[in-house]
Amino acid sequence: MPGEKASAAGGALLRRLQRLVARAGTAKGSNRKQLLALLDDVETTRRGLLRECAEIEGEMRQATVRATAIGAYLRGSQVQRGKRHN
């Protein structure tokens, strides 16, 4: 299921971000190469998280559309059988 894959990937990205934050806490300000590599890793992780957020948002939109369609179908079927929806 796509949602489960996204959840696993998102969890991995969050764990990676936590490790990067811990690494940033121990980084020396004088080591420019280390700081640049750290910034690059944080930016890459941030982009990955944004992609996951966008994917989840799309899945939520799709679920909302499906729920609306199911509700409309239910109301239509009740009207045909003579029941009224309140």
Protein backbone atom coordinates (compact mmCIF):
# COMPACT_ATOMS: atom_id res chain seq x y z
CA MET A 1 0.00 0.00 0.00
CA PRO A 2 1.46 3.42 -0.92
CA GLY A 3 0.63 5.00 2.44
CA GLU A 4 2.66 2.39 4.31
CA LYS A 5 5.67 2.93 2.05
CA ALA A 6 5.41 6.69 2.52
CA SER A 7 5.16 6.22 6.28
CA ALA A 8 8.29 4.04 6.34
CA ALA A 9 10.21 6.46 4.12
CA GLY A 10 9.02 9.44 6.17
CA GLY A 11 10.07 7.72 9.39
CA ALA A 12 13.51 7.02 7.97
CA LEU A 13 13.86 10.66 6.91
CA LEU A 14 12.83 11.88 10.36
CA ARG A 15 15.39 9.58 12.01
CA ARG A 16 18.02 10.86 9.61
CA LEU A 17 17.10 14.44 10.47
CA GLN A 18 17.44 13.65 14.18
CA ARG A 19 20.92 12.22 13.58
CA LEU A 20 21.85 15.31 11.58
CA VAL A 21 20.65 17.60 14.36
CA ALA A 22 22.75 15.63 16.85
CA ARG A 23 25.72 15.87 14.50
CA ALA A 24 25.17 19.62 14.16
CA GLY A 25 25.33 19.96 17.94
CA THR A 26 28.82 18.51 18.00
CA ALA A 27 30.13 20.21 14.84
CA LYS A 28 33.00 22.62 15.20
CA GLY A 29 32.39 26.08 13.77
CA SER A 30 35.91 26.25 12.44
CA ASN A 31 35.59 23.22 10.14
CA ARG A 32 34.03 24.75 7.04
CA LYS A 33 34.00 21.52 4.98
CA GLN A 34 32.20 19.64 7.73
CA LEU A 35 29.60 22.41 8.09
CA LEU A 36 28.99 22.57 4.33
CA ALA A 37 28.53 18.80 4.16
CA LEU A 38 26.15 18.97 7.11
CA LEU A 39 24.13 21.75 5.49
CA ASP A 40 23.91 19.75 2.28
CA ASP A 41 22.71 16.66 4.17
CA VAL A 42 20.10 18.69 6.06
CA GLU A 43 18.84 20.28 2.83
CA THR A 44 18.62 16.90 1.08
CA THR A 45 16.67 15.47 4.01
CA ARG A 46 14.39 18.51 4.09
CA ARG A 47 13.58 18.08 0.40
CA GLY A 48 12.80 14.41 0.97
CA LEU A 49 10.45 15.29 3.81
CA LEU A 50 8.72 17.90 1.66
CA ARG A 51 8.20 15.28 -1.07
CA GLU A 52 6.71 12.89 1.47
CA CYS A 53 4.41 15.64 2.78
CA ALA A 54 3.21 16.39 -0.74
CA GLU A 55 2.55 12.69 -1.38
CA ILE A 56 0.57 12.36 1.85
CA GLU A 57 -1.37 15.51 1.03
CA GLY A 58 -2.30 14.02 -2.35
CA GLU A 59 -3.44 10.79 -0.71
CA MET A 60 -5.56 12.78 1.75
CA ARG A 61 -7.15 14.76 -1.09
CA GLN A 62 -7.92 11.54 -2.93
CA ALA A 63 -9.46 10.00 0.21
CA THR A 64 -11.64 13.09 0.67
CA VAL A 65 -12.89 12.87 -2.91
CA ARG A 66 -13.67 9.19 -2.45
CA ALA A 67 -15.52 9.82 0.82
CA THR A 68 -17.58 12.56 -0.83
CA ALA A 69 -18.44 10.26 -3.73
CA ILE A 70 -19.45 7.45 -1.37
CA GLY A 71 -21.67 9.86 0.57
CA ALA A 72 -23.33 11.08 -2.61
CA TYR A 73 -23.91 7.50 -3.76
CA LEU A 74 -25.41 6.63 -0.36
CA ARG A 75 -27.75 9.61 -0.43
CA GLY A 76 -28.81 8.78 -3.98
CA SER A 77 -29.51 5.14 -3.15
CA GLN A 78 -31.59 6.12 -0.10
CA VAL A 79 -33.67 8.54 -2.15
CA GLN A 80 -34.41 5.84 -4.73
CA ARG A 81 -35.68 3.52 -2.00
CA GLY A 82 -37.93 6.23 -0.57
CA LYS A 83 -35.81 7.00 2.48
CA ARG A 84 -34.88 10.57 3.29
CA HIS A 85 -31.43 11.60 4.43
CA ASN A 86 -31.43 14.14 7.27
